[in-house]
Amino acid sequence: MKELRRHSNTIKAMALITLFIVAMILVFCRLKVNGREISYNDSSVKAAEKEYVSTIREILQDEGLRTAGVSLTKVIDPENGVVYTLSVHHKLIDNMNSERRSQLENRLDSVVLPVRNEGLNVVFI
């Protein structure tokens, strides 16, 4: 029984150490993208992303979509760079005709994300 308890404690200790290492990697992770080092925690990138989302929300409010859900996600790939996806959800968007929806998408596409990226996709969900 003692041996089983000792074995259990060893497994818990190893799991905690592994969790700690993964957390440190995520906190201090830096990735080279197209020869440029990018940090997940770069404050200037986060500020630019926040400003971009704020501008998108203003446009949506002008369009009568004040309560739209907005999500900006990014995929960082060492070979292909950073690709962003802007997801917008609102019931009224679902009910728009294709021309009106296309106009909204073009207006949102016209906003420039001032962060180096390899693409930004607008998706209505």
N, C-alpha and C. Protein backbone atom coordinates (compact mmCIF):
# COMPACT_ATOMS: atom_id res chain seq x y z
N MET A 1 0.83 -1.19 0.00
CA MET A 1 0.00 0.00 0.00
C MET A 1 0.87 1.26 0.00
N LYS A 2 1.95 1.22 0.81
CA LYS A 2 2.86 2.37 0.85
C LYS A 2 3.49 2.61 -0.51
N GLU A 3 3.83 1.51 -1.17
CA GLU A 3 4.48 1.62 -2.46
C GLU A 3 3.52 2.22 -3.49
N LEU A 4 2.26 1.87 -3.43
CA LEU A 4 1.24 2.41 -4.32
C LEU A 4 1.06 3.91 -4.09
N ARG A 5 1.06 4.33 -2.82
CA ARG A 5 0.93 5.74 -2.48
C ARG A 5 2.15 6.52 -2.97
N ARG A 6 3.34 5.94 -2.81
CA ARG A 6 4.57 6.59 -3.26
C ARG A 6 4.55 6.73 -4.78
N HIS A 7 4.10 5.68 -5.46
CA HIS A 7 3.99 5.71 -6.93
C HIS A 7 3.00 6.80 -7.37
N SER A 8 1.89 6.91 -6.68
CA SER A 8 0.88 7.93 -6.98
C SER A 8 1.45 9.33 -6.79
N ASN A 9 2.21 9.54 -5.73
CA ASN A 9 2.83 10.84 -5.47
C ASN A 9 3.85 11.18 -6.54
N THR A 10 4.58 10.19 -7.01
CA THR A 10 5.57 10.41 -8.07
C THR A 10 4.88 10.84 -9.35
N ILE A 11 3.78 10.20 -9.68
CA ILE A 11 3.03 10.56 -10.89
C ILE A 11 2.49 11.99 -10.76
N LYS A 12 1.97 12.35 -9.59
CA LYS A 12 1.46 13.71 -9.38
C LYS A 12 2.57 14.73 -9.53
N ALA A 13 3.74 14.43 -8.96
CA ALA A 13 4.88 15.35 -9.05
C ALA A 13 5.31 15.51 -10.51
N MET A 14 5.37 14.43 -11.25
CA MET A 14 5.77 14.51 -12.65
C MET A 14 4.74 15.31 -13.46
N ALA A 15 3.46 15.13 -13.17
CA ALA A 15 2.41 15.87 -13.87
C ALA A 15 2.53 17.36 -13.57
N LEU A 16 2.80 17.72 -12.32
CA LEU A 16 2.95 19.13 -11.96
C LEU A 16 4.17 19.74 -12.64
N ILE A 17 5.25 19.01 -12.69
CA ILE A 17 6.46 19.52 -13.34
C ILE A 17 6.20 19.72 -14.83
N THR A 18 5.53 18.76 -15.46
CA THR A 18 5.20 18.88 -16.88
C THR A 18 4.28 20.07 -17.12
N LEU A 19 3.29 20.24 -16.28
CA LEU A 19 2.38 21.37 -16.40
C LEU A 19 3.12 22.69 -16.26
N PHE A 20 4.05 22.75 -15.33
CA PHE A 20 4.85 23.96 -15.12
C PHE A 20 5.69 24.27 -16.35
N ILE A 21 6.31 23.25 -16.92
CA ILE A 21 7.15 23.45 -18.11
C ILE A 21 6.30 23.94 -19.28
N VAL A 22 5.15 23.34 -19.48
CA VAL A 22 4.26 23.77 -20.57
C VAL A 22 3.81 25.22 -20.35
N ALA A 23 3.49 25.57 -19.12
CA ALA A 23 3.07 26.94 -18.81
C ALA A 23 4.19 27.93 -19.12
N MET A 24 5.41 27.58 -18.76
CA MET A 24 6.55 28.48 -19.03
C MET A 24 6.80 28.62 -20.53
N ILE A 25 6.64 27.55 -21.26
CA ILE A 25 6.80 27.62 -22.71
C ILE A 25 5.76 28.55 -23.30
N LEU A 26 4.52 28.44 -22.85
CA LEU A 26 3.46 29.30 -23.37
C LEU A 26 3.67 30.76 -22.99
N VAL A 27 4.14 31.01 -21.78
CA VAL A 27 4.35 32.38 -21.33
C VAL A 27 5.50 33.04 -22.09
N PHE A 28 6.56 32.30 -22.30
CA PHE A 28 7.75 32.88 -22.90
C PHE A 28 7.97 32.43 -24.35
N CYS A 29 6.96 31.88 -24.94
CA CYS A 29 7.10 31.32 -26.29
C CYS A 29 7.36 32.42 -27.31
N ARG A 30 8.36 32.19 -28.07
CA ARG A 30 8.68 33.07 -29.19
C ARG A 30 8.82 32.18 -30.41
N LEU A 31 8.35 32.67 -31.52
CA LEU A 31 8.33 31.87 -32.72
C LEU A 31 8.86 32.71 -33.87
N LYS A 32 9.73 32.15 -34.67
CA LYS A 32 10.22 32.88 -35.84
C LYS A 32 9.24 32.68 -36.98
N VAL A 33 8.75 33.79 -37.51
CA VAL A 33 7.82 33.77 -38.62
C VAL A 33 8.42 34.62 -39.72
N ASN A 34 8.70 34.00 -40.86
CA ASN A 34 9.32 34.69 -41.99
C ASN A 34 10.57 35.47 -41.56
N GLY A 35 11.40 34.84 -40.75
CA GLY A 35 12.66 35.46 -40.32
C GLY A 35 12.51 36.49 -39.23
N ARG A 36 11.29 36.73 -38.79
CA ARG A 36 11.04 37.73 -37.75
C ARG A 36 10.53 37.02 -36.51
N GLU A 37 11.11 37.37 -35.37
CA GLU A 37 10.68 36.73 -34.14
C GLU A 37 9.39 37.37 -33.64
N ILE A 38 8.41 36.53 -33.36
CA ILE A 38 7.10 37.01 -32.91
C ILE A 38 6.84 36.42 -31.53
N SER A 39 6.32 37.21 -30.65
CA SER A 39 5.97 36.73 -29.32
C SER A 39 4.46 36.72 -29.18
N TYR A 40 3.94 35.68 -28.54
CA TYR A 40 2.51 35.63 -28.29
C TYR A 40 2.09 36.77 -27.37
N ASN A 41 3.00 37.23 -26.55
CA ASN A 41 2.67 38.22 -25.54
C ASN A 41 3.20 39.61 -25.89
N ASP A 42 3.46 39.88 -27.14
CA ASP A 42 3.96 41.17 -27.56
C ASP A 42 2.86 42.22 -27.32
N SER A 43 3.12 43.16 -26.43
CA SER A 43 2.08 44.12 -26.03
C SER A 43 1.66 45.02 -27.18
N SER A 44 2.57 45.35 -28.10
CA SER A 44 2.18 46.20 -29.22
C SER A 44 1.24 45.46 -30.16
N VAL A 45 1.45 44.15 -30.33
CA VAL A 45 0.55 43.35 -31.17
C VAL A 45 -0.82 43.26 -30.52
N LYS A 46 -0.84 43.00 -29.21
CA LYS A 46 -2.12 42.90 -28.51
C LYS A 46 -2.89 44.22 -28.57
N ALA A 47 -2.17 45.34 -28.43
CA ALA A 47 -2.82 46.64 -28.49
C ALA A 47 -3.40 46.90 -29.89
N ALA A 48 -2.65 46.53 -30.92
CA ALA A 48 -3.13 46.72 -32.29
C ALA A 48 -4.35 45.84 -32.56
N GLU A 49 -4.33 44.61 -32.07
CA GLU A 49 -5.48 43.72 -32.24
C GLU A 49 -6.71 44.27 -31.52
N LYS A 50 -6.50 44.78 -30.32
CA LYS A 50 -7.62 45.34 -29.55
C LYS A 50 -8.21 46.57 -30.26
N GLU A 51 -7.35 47.42 -30.80
CA GLU A 51 -7.81 48.60 -31.52
C GLU A 51 -8.58 48.19 -32.78
N TYR A 52 -8.09 47.16 -33.47
CA TYR A 52 -8.76 46.66 -34.67
C TYR A 52 -10.17 46.18 -34.33
N VAL A 53 -10.30 45.38 -33.29
CA VAL A 53 -11.62 44.87 -32.88
C VAL A 53 -12.53 46.03 -32.49
N SER A 54 -11.98 47.02 -31.83
CA SER A 54 -12.77 48.20 -31.44
C SER A 54 -13.31 48.93 -32.69
N THR A 55 -12.47 49.07 -33.69
CA THR A 55 -12.89 49.71 -34.94
C THR A 55 -13.98 48.89 -35.64
N ILE A 56 -13.81 47.58 -35.63
CA ILE A 56 -14.82 46.69 -36.22
C ILE A 56 -16.16 46.85 -35.49
N ARG A 57 -16.10 46.91 -34.16
CA ARG A 57 -17.33 47.09 -33.38
C ARG A 57 -18.02 48.41 -33.72
N GLU A 58 -17.24 49.47 -33.93
CA GLU A 58 -17.82 50.77 -34.30
C GLU A 58 -18.54 50.66 -35.64
N ILE A 59 -17.93 49.98 -36.60
CA ILE A 59 -18.57 49.81 -37.91
C ILE A 59 -19.86 49.02 -37.77
N LEU A 60 -19.81 47.95 -37.00
CA LEU A 60 -21.01 47.14 -36.80
C LEU A 60 -22.11 47.94 -36.12
N GLN A 61 -21.73 48.80 -35.18
CA GLN A 61 -22.72 49.65 -34.52
C GLN A 61 -23.35 50.61 -35.53
N ASP A 62 -22.52 51.18 -36.42
CA ASP A 62 -23.04 52.06 -37.48
C ASP A 62 -24.00 51.32 -38.40
N GLU A 63 -23.79 50.03 -38.56
CA GLU A 63 -24.61 49.21 -39.45
C GLU A 63 -25.86 48.69 -38.74
N GLY A 64 -26.06 49.07 -37.47
CA GLY A 64 -27.22 48.62 -36.72
C GLY A 64 -27.04 47.25 -36.08
N LEU A 65 -25.80 46.84 -35.94
CA LEU A 65 -25.49 45.52 -35.38
C LEU A 65 -24.73 45.68 -34.07
N ARG A 66 -25.26 46.52 -33.20
CA ARG A 66 -24.59 46.88 -31.95
C ARG A 66 -24.27 45.68 -31.07
N THR A 67 -25.12 44.68 -31.08
CA THR A 67 -24.93 43.53 -30.19
C THR A 67 -24.24 42.35 -30.87
N ALA A 68 -23.60 42.60 -32.01
CA ALA A 68 -22.94 41.52 -32.74
C ALA A 68 -21.78 40.94 -31.91
N GLY A 69 -21.63 39.64 -32.01
CA GLY A 69 -20.48 38.98 -31.39
C GLY A 69 -19.29 39.09 -32.32
N VAL A 70 -18.14 39.48 -31.78
CA VAL A 70 -16.93 39.66 -32.58
C VAL A 70 -15.80 38.88 -31.93
N SER A 71 -15.08 38.13 -32.75
CA SER A 71 -13.95 37.34 -32.26
C SER A 71 -12.82 37.44 -33.27
N LEU A 72 -11.62 37.75 -32.79
CA LEU A 72 -10.44 37.80 -33.64
C LEU A 72 -9.49 36.71 -33.17
N THR A 73 -9.20 35.77 -34.05
CA THR A 73 -8.28 34.69 -33.71
C THR A 73 -7.11 34.72 -34.69
N LYS A 74 -6.00 34.12 -34.27
CA LYS A 74 -4.84 34.07 -35.16
C LYS A 74 -4.20 32.69 -35.08
N VAL A 75 -3.62 32.32 -36.21
CA VAL A 75 -2.85 31.09 -36.30
C VAL A 75 -1.44 31.50 -36.67
N ILE A 76 -0.48 31.06 -35.87
CA ILE A 76 0.92 31.39 -36.13
C ILE A 76 1.60 30.14 -36.65
N ASP A 77 2.05 30.22 -37.89
CA ASP A 77 2.70 29.10 -38.55
C ASP A 77 4.10 29.53 -38.97
N PRO A 78 5.13 28.80 -38.56
CA PRO A 78 6.50 29.19 -38.89
C PRO A 78 6.75 29.31 -40.40
N GLU A 79 6.04 28.53 -41.19
CA GLU A 79 6.26 28.55 -42.63
C GLU A 79 5.41 29.58 -43.35
N ASN A 80 4.18 29.77 -42.88
CA ASN A 80 3.24 30.62 -43.60
C ASN A 80 2.96 31.96 -42.94
N GLY A 81 3.51 32.21 -41.78
CA GLY A 81 3.28 33.47 -41.10
C GLY A 81 2.03 33.46 -40.24
N VAL A 82 1.52 34.64 -39.95
CA VAL A 82 0.36 34.79 -39.08
C VAL A 82 -0.88 35.04 -39.94
N VAL A 83 -1.91 34.25 -39.71
CA VAL A 83 -3.17 34.41 -40.42
C VAL A 83 -4.26 34.66 -39.38
N TYR A 84 -5.02 35.73 -39.57
CA TYR A 84 -6.09 36.11 -38.66
C TYR A 84 -7.44 35.72 -39.24
N THR A 85 -8.39 35.45 -38.36
CA THR A 85 -9.78 35.25 -38.75
C THR A 85 -10.66 36.13 -37.86
N LEU A 86 -11.45 36.97 -38.50
CA LEU A 86 -12.42 37.80 -37.79
C LEU A 86 -13.77 37.13 -37.95
N SER A 87 -14.35 36.69 -36.85
CA SER A 87 -15.67 36.06 -36.87
C SER A 87 -16.69 37.04 -36.30
N VAL A 88 -17.79 37.21 -37.04
CA VAL A 88 -18.85 38.12 -36.62
C VAL A 88 -20.16 37.34 -36.62
N HIS A 89 -20.90 37.48 -35.52
CA HIS A 89 -22.18 36.78 -35.43
C HIS A 89 -23.28 37.75 -35.02
N HIS A 90 -24.36 37.73 -35.78
CA HIS A 90 -25.57 38.49 -35.43
C HIS A 90 -26.71 37.92 -36.26
N LYS A 91 -27.86 37.79 -35.66
CA LYS A 91 -29.01 37.21 -36.35
C LYS A 91 -29.38 38.00 -37.61
N LEU A 92 -29.24 39.33 -37.55
CA LEU A 92 -29.59 40.15 -38.70
C LEU A 92 -28.68 39.87 -39.90
N ILE A 93 -27.43 39.49 -39.64
CA ILE A 93 -26.53 39.17 -40.74
C ILE A 93 -27.04 37.93 -41.47
N ASP A 94 -27.54 36.97 -40.71
CA ASP A 94 -28.09 35.76 -41.32
C ASP A 94 -29.27 36.09 -42.24
N ASN A 95 -30.00 37.14 -41.92
CA ASN A 95 -31.19 37.50 -42.69
C ASN A 95 -30.91 38.48 -43.83
N MET A 96 -29.67 38.95 -43.97
CA MET A 96 -29.34 39.89 -45.04
C MET A 96 -29.31 39.19 -46.39
N ASN A 97 -29.66 39.95 -47.43
CA ASN A 97 -29.50 39.38 -48.78
C ASN A 97 -28.01 39.38 -49.12
N SER A 98 -27.65 38.65 -50.15
CA SER A 98 -26.23 38.46 -50.47
C SER A 98 -25.53 39.77 -50.81
N GLU A 99 -26.23 40.70 -51.47
CA GLU A 99 -25.61 41.98 -51.83
C GLU A 99 -25.29 42.79 -50.57
N ARG A 100 -26.23 42.89 -49.67
CA ARG A 100 -26.03 43.64 -48.42
C ARG A 100 -24.94 43.00 -47.57
N ARG A 101 -24.95 41.70 -47.53
CA ARG A 101 -23.93 40.96 -46.76
C ARG A 101 -22.54 41.19 -47.36
N SER A 102 -22.46 41.20 -48.69
CA SER A 102 -21.20 41.45 -49.37
C SER A 102 -20.69 42.86 -49.10
N GLN A 103 -21.61 43.83 -49.07
CA GLN A 103 -21.23 45.22 -48.76
C GLN A 103 -20.65 45.32 -47.35
N LEU A 104 -21.28 44.64 -46.40
CA LEU A 104 -20.79 44.63 -45.02
C LEU A 104 -19.41 43.98 -44.95
N GLU A 105 -19.26 42.87 -45.64
CA GLU A 105 -17.97 42.17 -45.65
C GLU A 105 -16.88 43.06 -46.25
N ASN A 106 -17.19 43.76 -47.33
CA ASN A 106 -16.22 44.67 -47.95
C ASN A 106 -15.84 45.80 -47.01
N ARG A 107 -16.84 46.32 -46.29
CA ARG A 107 -16.56 47.41 -45.35
C ARG A 107 -15.64 46.92 -44.22
N LEU A 108 -15.90 45.72 -43.73
CA LEU A 108 -15.04 45.17 -42.68
C LEU A 108 -13.66 44.82 -43.22
N ASP A 109 -13.59 44.35 -44.47
CA ASP A 109 -12.30 44.05 -45.10
C ASP A 109 -11.45 45.29 -45.31
N SER A 110 -12.09 46.44 -45.41
CA SER A 110 -11.35 47.67 -45.68
C SER A 110 -10.58 48.17 -44.45
N VAL A 111 -10.92 47.66 -43.28
CA VAL A 111 -10.20 48.05 -42.07
C VAL A 111 -8.87 47.29 -42.05
N VAL A 112 -7.80 48.03 -41.87
CA VAL A 112 -6.46 47.43 -41.90
C VAL A 112 -6.02 47.07 -40.49
N LEU A 113 -5.61 45.84 -40.32
CA LEU A 113 -5.03 45.40 -39.06
C LEU A 113 -3.55 45.78 -39.10
N PRO A 114 -3.12 46.74 -38.27
CA PRO A 114 -1.75 47.25 -38.37
C PRO A 114 -0.70 46.33 -37.74
N VAL A 115 -0.81 45.05 -38.06
CA VAL A 115 0.13 44.05 -37.58
C VAL A 115 0.54 43.24 -38.79
N ARG A 116 1.80 42.93 -38.89
CA ARG A 116 2.27 42.13 -40.02
C ARG A 116 1.55 40.78 -40.00
N ASN A 117 0.89 40.46 -41.11
CA ASN A 117 0.18 39.19 -41.20
C ASN A 117 0.14 38.73 -42.65
N GLU A 118 -0.14 37.48 -42.82
CA GLU A 118 -0.20 36.89 -44.15
C GLU A 118 -1.62 36.76 -44.66
N GLY A 119 -2.58 37.25 -43.89
CA GLY A 119 -3.95 37.19 -44.34
C GLY A 119 -4.92 37.44 -43.20
N LEU A 120 -6.08 37.98 -43.57
CA LEU A 120 -7.15 38.20 -42.62
C LEU A 120 -8.45 37.82 -43.31
N ASN A 121 -9.13 36.85 -42.72
CA ASN A 121 -10.38 36.35 -43.29
C ASN A 121 -11.54 36.84 -42.43
N VAL A 122 -12.58 37.35 -43.09
CA VAL A 122 -13.81 37.75 -42.38
C VAL A 122 -14.83 36.64 -42.59
N VAL A 123 -15.39 36.17 -41.47
CA VAL A 123 -16.34 35.07 -41.50
C VAL A 123 -17.58 35.48 -40.72
N PHE A 124 -18.75 35.27 -41.33
CA PHE A 124 -20.00 35.50 -40.63
C PHE A 124 -20.51 34.14 -40.14
N ILE A 125 -20.72 34.03 -38.86
CA ILE A 125 -21.19 32.75 -38.31
C ILE A 125 -22.54 32.92 -37.64
